[in-house]
Amino acid sequence: MNLNAPAFSSFVHDGLNLRYFDEGDPSGTPVLMIHGFASSALVNWVHPGWLKTLGDAGYRVIAIDNRGHGGSDRPRDVGAYRPWVMAGDAIALLDHLRIPEAHLFGYSMGARISVFAALAHPERVRSLVLGGLGIGMTDGVGDWDPIADALLAPDAAAITHDRGRMFRNFADQTKSDRDALAACIRGSRDLVERSDMGRIEAPTLIGVGTKDDIAGSAQELADLMPNAKALDIPGRDHMLAVGDKVFKQAVLEFYAGLSAG
């Protein structure tokens, strides 16, 4: 077991080959981690130290490369990326590993996927950690069409939209399939009704950086839920909050509190 360089496996769901890793303590409580847009299991969970943090704490750490990302297949159909479809991939991974119930931990788009999974399969979700997405879950996070345009632009130097340029640079750094990502960003933006957030009874921690201009308020989202609390991640923007030590400590304490309860 190497908590810095996990061994990847794959399974087939919905006709797609999907990559994942399953590390940490095999007998530990499982945590299924679902990464954000244009990222991957490596970029979101291994490089920022989450695999090591949770593995050292005794958890079984599982992470999927969402369709269109990392080492998973990359459909071009916008409809393939609806959040409830990708939530189905996550639940199918639990089925594949014969795990009846897990903590779900999602960042940004992964947080949205986690919520759709919790709504469709509440019996499979022991708790939720939602990072990088607050009230934007229900109210939207602005116009993302320029992101798709930036991903498909022939010349990155000509991109003038700030957020578009940020995600294009990120996609290039991670050597992502930009056509698949453009389909994903157009297909994965469905909002969650505020009343539906109120139906999620799983204990939930919502962490958002104080300099995050994408996520929206963590506290406003927590206020819609019966068993949620908000965490401000000090001085971090959307890209940097994911690996922050304050976030890591809060998640460990959150999980420890659930075990003690």
Protein backbone atom coordinates (compact mmCIF):
# COMPACT_ATOMS: atom_id res chain seq x y z
CA MET A 1 0.00 0.00 0.00
CA ASN A 2 1.43 3.36 -1.09
CA LEU A 3 -0.58 6.35 0.08
CA ASN A 4 1.36 8.63 -2.26
CA ALA A 5 1.05 6.54 -5.44
CA PRO A 6 -2.16 4.47 -5.46
CA ALA A 7 -2.77 1.48 -7.67
CA PHE A 8 -5.62 2.10 -10.11
CA SER A 9 -8.20 -0.43 -11.21
CA SER A 10 -11.24 -0.11 -13.46
CA PHE A 11 -14.80 -1.34 -13.79
CA VAL A 12 -17.48 -1.04 -16.44
CA HIS A 13 -20.72 0.85 -15.89
CA ASP A 14 -23.17 2.29 -18.41
CA GLY A 15 -20.92 0.98 -21.19
CA LEU A 16 -17.95 3.00 -19.97
CA ASN A 17 -14.64 1.91 -18.51
CA LEU A 18 -14.22 3.89 -15.29
CA ARG A 19 -10.99 4.10 -13.32
CA TYR A 20 -10.71 4.19 -9.54
CA PHE A 21 -8.39 3.44 -6.67
CA ASP A 22 -9.16 1.61 -3.43
CA GLU A 23 -6.47 2.26 -0.80
CA GLY A 24 -5.98 2.69 2.92
CA ASP A 25 -7.16 0.16 5.51
CA PRO A 26 -9.35 -2.48 3.80
CA SER A 27 -11.19 -2.97 7.11
CA GLY A 28 -11.60 0.77 7.73
CA THR A 29 -14.76 2.82 7.25
CA PRO A 30 -15.02 3.53 3.50
CA VAL A 31 -14.81 7.08 2.16
CA LEU A 32 -15.76 7.51 -1.51
CA MET A 33 -14.16 10.64 -2.94
CA ILE A 34 -15.59 12.36 -6.04
CA HIS A 35 -13.41 15.00 -7.68
CA GLY A 36 -14.26 18.29 -9.32
CA PHE A 37 -14.56 19.46 -12.91
CA ALA A 38 -11.40 19.15 -15.05
CA SER A 39 -9.65 17.35 -12.20
CA SER A 40 -9.08 13.66 -11.40
CA ALA A 41 -8.64 11.34 -8.43
CA LEU A 42 -4.91 12.02 -8.52
CA VAL A 43 -5.16 15.79 -8.82
CA ASN A 44 -7.93 16.28 -6.24
CA TRP A 45 -7.15 13.61 -3.68
CA VAL A 46 -3.60 12.27 -3.98
CA HIS A 47 -1.49 15.32 -4.81
CA PRO A 48 -3.10 17.54 -2.10
CA GLY A 49 -2.55 14.78 0.48
CA TRP A 50 -6.10 13.60 1.15
CA LEU A 51 -5.33 9.94 0.46
CA LYS A 52 -2.47 10.02 2.97
CA THR A 53 -4.47 12.05 5.53
CA LEU A 54 -7.44 9.69 5.51
CA GLY A 55 -5.36 6.55 5.01
CA ASP A 56 -3.16 7.38 8.00
CA ALA A 57 -6.33 7.92 10.04
CA GLY A 58 -7.46 4.35 9.33
CA TYR A 59 -10.06 4.89 6.61
CA ARG A 60 -10.57 2.88 3.45
CA VAL A 61 -10.08 5.55 0.78
CA ILE A 62 -11.78 5.07 -2.58
CA ALA A 63 -11.74 7.60 -5.40
CA ILE A 64 -13.26 7.51 -8.88
CA ASP A 65 -12.12 9.26 -12.03
CA ASN A 66 -15.43 10.69 -13.20
CA ARG A 67 -16.40 9.92 -16.78
CA GLY A 68 -14.62 12.35 -19.09
CA HIS A 69 -11.74 12.75 -16.66
CA GLY A 70 -8.46 11.10 -15.71
CA GLY A 71 -8.16 7.52 -16.90
CA SER A 72 -11.90 6.95 -17.43
CA ASP A 73 -13.68 6.84 -20.79
CA ARG A 74 -14.62 10.19 -22.29
CA PRO A 75 -17.98 10.39 -24.02
CA ARG A 76 -18.75 13.51 -26.05
CA ASP A 77 -22.52 13.48 -25.46
CA VAL A 78 -23.68 16.31 -23.18
CA GLY A 79 -26.41 14.06 -21.75
CA ALA A 80 -23.78 11.61 -20.51
CA TYR A 81 -22.70 14.17 -17.91
CA ARG A 82 -25.91 14.98 -16.10
CA PRO A 83 -25.13 14.92 -12.38
CA TRP A 84 -27.57 12.10 -11.62
CA VAL A 85 -25.88 10.00 -14.33
CA MET A 86 -22.45 10.56 -12.78
CA ALA A 87 -23.96 9.88 -9.35
CA GLY A 88 -25.00 6.52 -10.79
CA ASP A 89 -21.34 5.83 -11.60
CA ALA A 90 -20.38 6.48 -7.97
CA ILE A 91 -23.06 4.18 -6.59
CA ALA A 92 -22.11 1.54 -9.18
CA LEU A 93 -18.54 1.67 -7.85
CA LEU A 94 -19.84 0.93 -4.36
CA ASP A 95 -21.80 -1.97 -5.85
CA HIS A 96 -18.69 -3.20 -7.66
CA LEU A 97 -16.73 -3.16 -4.39
CA ARG A 98 -19.68 -4.64 -2.47
CA ILE A 99 -19.81 -1.70 -0.08
CA PRO A 100 -23.33 -1.15 1.31
CA GLU A 101 -22.71 2.29 2.81
CA ALA A 102 -19.91 4.89 2.69
CA HIS A 103 -19.01 8.44 3.56
CA LEU A 104 -19.28 10.49 0.35
CA PHE A 105 -16.77 13.32 -0.09
CA GLY A 106 -17.13 15.53 -3.15
CA TYR A 107 -15.41 18.71 -4.26
CA SER A 108 -17.10 21.29 -6.51
CA MET A 109 -18.77 19.28 -9.30
CA GLY A 110 -18.08 16.24 -7.12
CA ALA A 111 -20.11 17.85 -4.34
CA ARG A 112 -23.05 18.22 -6.73
CA ILE A 113 -22.68 14.58 -7.81
CA SER A 114 -22.57 13.53 -4.14
CA VAL A 115 -25.83 15.35 -3.40
CA PHE A 116 -27.58 13.70 -6.34
CA ALA A 117 -26.29 10.34 -5.08
CA ALA A 118 -27.57 11.07 -1.56
CA LEU A 119 -31.00 12.04 -2.89
CA ALA A 120 -31.31 8.93 -5.05
CA HIS A 121 -29.72 6.45 -2.63
CA PRO A 122 -29.92 7.81 0.94
CA GLU A 123 -29.40 4.33 2.38
CA ARG A 124 -25.91 4.17 0.80
CA VAL A 125 -24.65 7.46 2.26
CA ARG A 126 -23.31 7.50 5.81
CA SER A 127 -22.37 11.19 5.63
CA LEU A 128 -21.52 13.95 3.16
CA VAL A 129 -18.55 16.27 2.93
CA LEU A 130 -19.26 18.94 0.33
CA GLY A 131 -16.24 21.05 -0.57
CA GLY A 132 -16.04 24.00 -2.93
CA LEU A 133 -19.80 24.37 -3.41
CA GLY A 134 -22.20 26.21 -1.13
CA ILE A 135 -25.51 27.82 -2.01
CA GLY A 136 -24.41 27.65 -5.65
CA MET A 137 -25.71 24.08 -5.37
CA THR A 138 -29.26 25.44 -5.50
CA ASP A 139 -28.87 28.97 -6.89
CA GLY A 140 -26.25 28.45 -9.60
CA VAL A 141 -22.69 29.62 -9.94
CA GLY A 142 -22.93 32.06 -12.82
CA ASP A 143 -22.62 31.65 -16.58
CA TRP A 144 -20.44 28.68 -17.47
CA ASP A 145 -20.90 28.75 -21.24
CA PRO A 146 -17.69 30.82 -21.59
CA ILE A 147 -15.87 27.94 -19.87
CA ALA A 148 -16.89 25.54 -22.61
CA ASP A 149 -15.96 28.11 -25.25
CA ALA A 150 -12.55 28.58 -23.63
CA LEU A 151 -11.95 24.84 -23.52
CA LEU A 152 -12.63 24.59 -27.25
CA ALA A 153 -10.78 27.76 -28.29
CA PRO A 154 -8.05 27.03 -30.87
CA ASP A 155 -5.71 29.56 -29.26
CA ALA A 156 -5.54 29.70 -25.46
CA ALA A 157 -3.75 33.05 -25.61
CA ALA A 158 -6.85 34.63 -27.18
CA ILE A 159 -9.17 33.77 -24.26
CA THR A 160 -10.37 36.93 -22.50
CA HIS A 161 -12.85 35.45 -20.01
CA ASP A 162 -11.03 35.16 -16.67
CA ARG A 163 -12.76 32.05 -15.38
CA GLY A 164 -12.60 30.47 -18.81
CA ARG A 165 -8.88 31.09 -19.00
CA MET A 166 -8.40 29.63 -15.50
CA PHE A 167 -10.15 26.36 -16.37
CA ARG A 168 -8.49 26.15 -19.82
CA ASN A 169 -5.08 26.47 -18.15
CA PHE A 170 -6.08 23.86 -15.55
CA ALA A 171 -7.28 21.47 -18.25
CA ASP A 172 -4.03 21.92 -20.18
CA GLN A 173 -1.96 21.35 -17.04
CA THR A 174 -3.79 18.10 -16.30
CA LYS A 175 -3.58 17.05 -19.99
CA SER A 176 -7.35 16.63 -20.07
CA ASP A 177 -9.60 15.88 -23.03
CA ARG A 178 -10.98 19.34 -23.67
CA ASP A 179 -13.80 18.15 -25.96
CA ALA A 180 -15.08 15.80 -23.25
CA LEU A 181 -14.77 18.55 -20.63
CA ALA A 182 -16.75 20.98 -22.79
CA ALA A 183 -19.55 18.40 -22.99
CA CYS A 184 -19.27 17.86 -19.24
CA ILE A 185 -19.52 21.53 -18.30
CA ARG A 186 -22.61 21.88 -20.48
CA GLY A 187 -24.25 18.76 -19.07
CA SER A 188 -23.41 18.78 -15.37
CA ARG A 189 -24.91 22.07 -14.17
CA ASP A 190 -28.35 20.94 -13.04
CA LEU A 191 -29.33 22.66 -9.82
CA VAL A 192 -30.77 21.03 -6.72
CA GLU A 193 -34.09 22.32 -5.42
CA ARG A 194 -33.86 23.95 -1.99
CA SER A 195 -36.61 21.66 -0.76
CA ASP A 196 -34.58 18.64 -1.91
CA MET A 197 -31.58 19.79 0.10
CA GLY A 198 -33.89 19.75 3.11
CA ARG A 199 -34.61 16.04 2.51
CA ILE A 200 -30.99 15.02 3.02
CA GLU A 201 -30.74 13.71 6.57
CA ALA A 202 -27.14 12.45 6.39
CA PRO A 203 -24.71 14.41 8.59
CA THR A 204 -23.04 16.94 6.33
CA LEU A 205 -19.98 19.21 6.46
CA ILE A 206 -19.80 22.00 3.86
CA GLY A 207 -16.38 23.60 3.39
CA VAL A 208 -15.81 26.67 1.21
CA GLY A 209 -12.78 28.95 0.94
CA THR A 210 -13.28 32.52 2.10
CA LYS A 211 -11.84 33.74 -1.23
CA ASP A 212 -13.88 31.32 -3.36
CA ASP A 213 -15.83 33.39 -5.90
CA ILE A 214 -17.56 30.35 -7.43
CA ALA A 215 -19.11 28.28 -4.63
CA GLY A 216 -21.49 30.65 -2.87
CA SER A 217 -22.14 30.63 0.87
CA ALA A 218 -21.54 27.39 2.77
CA GLN A 219 -23.70 28.62 5.65
CA GLU A 220 -26.70 29.36 3.41
CA LEU A 221 -26.59 25.82 2.06
CA ALA A 222 -26.16 24.34 5.53
CA ASP A 223 -29.18 26.31 6.73
CA LEU A 224 -31.36 24.41 4.23
CA MET A 225 -30.37 21.03 5.66
CA PRO A 226 -31.46 19.35 8.90
CA ASN A 227 -28.04 18.01 9.92
CA ALA A 228 -25.36 20.17 8.28
CA LYS A 229 -22.67 22.57 9.40
CA ALA A 230 -20.59 25.07 7.47
CA LEU A 231 -16.83 25.54 7.49
CA ASP A 232 -15.02 28.65 6.30
CA ILE A 233 -11.58 27.71 4.89
CA PRO A 234 -9.56 30.85 5.63
CA GLY A 235 -7.85 32.72 2.81
CA ARG A 236 -8.38 30.05 0.17
CA ASP A 237 -9.93 30.36 -3.29
CA HIS A 238 -11.72 27.65 -5.26
CA MET A 239 -8.55 26.00 -6.52
CA LEU A 240 -6.55 26.05 -3.27
CA ALA A 241 -9.19 25.23 -0.64
CA VAL A 242 -9.27 21.53 -1.47
CA GLY A 243 -5.90 20.71 0.11
CA ASP A 244 -6.01 23.16 3.01
CA LYS A 245 -4.93 21.91 6.44
CA VAL A 246 -7.91 23.56 8.16
CA PHE A 247 -10.23 21.63 5.86
CA LYS A 248 -8.39 18.38 6.51
CA GLN A 249 -8.52 18.80 10.27
CA ALA A 250 -12.22 19.67 10.16
CA VAL A 251 -13.02 16.58 8.09
CA LEU A 252 -11.08 14.30 10.46
CA GLU A 253 -12.92 15.81 13.43
CA PHE A 254 -16.25 15.49 11.61
CA TYR A 255 -15.67 11.80 10.92
CA ALA A 256 -14.40 11.17 14.45
CA GLY A 257 -17.54 12.81 15.84
CA LEU A 258 -19.73 10.51 13.76
CA SER A 259 -17.86 7.44 15.03
CA ALA A 260 -18.28 8.60 18.62
CA GLY A 261 -21.94 9.39 18.20
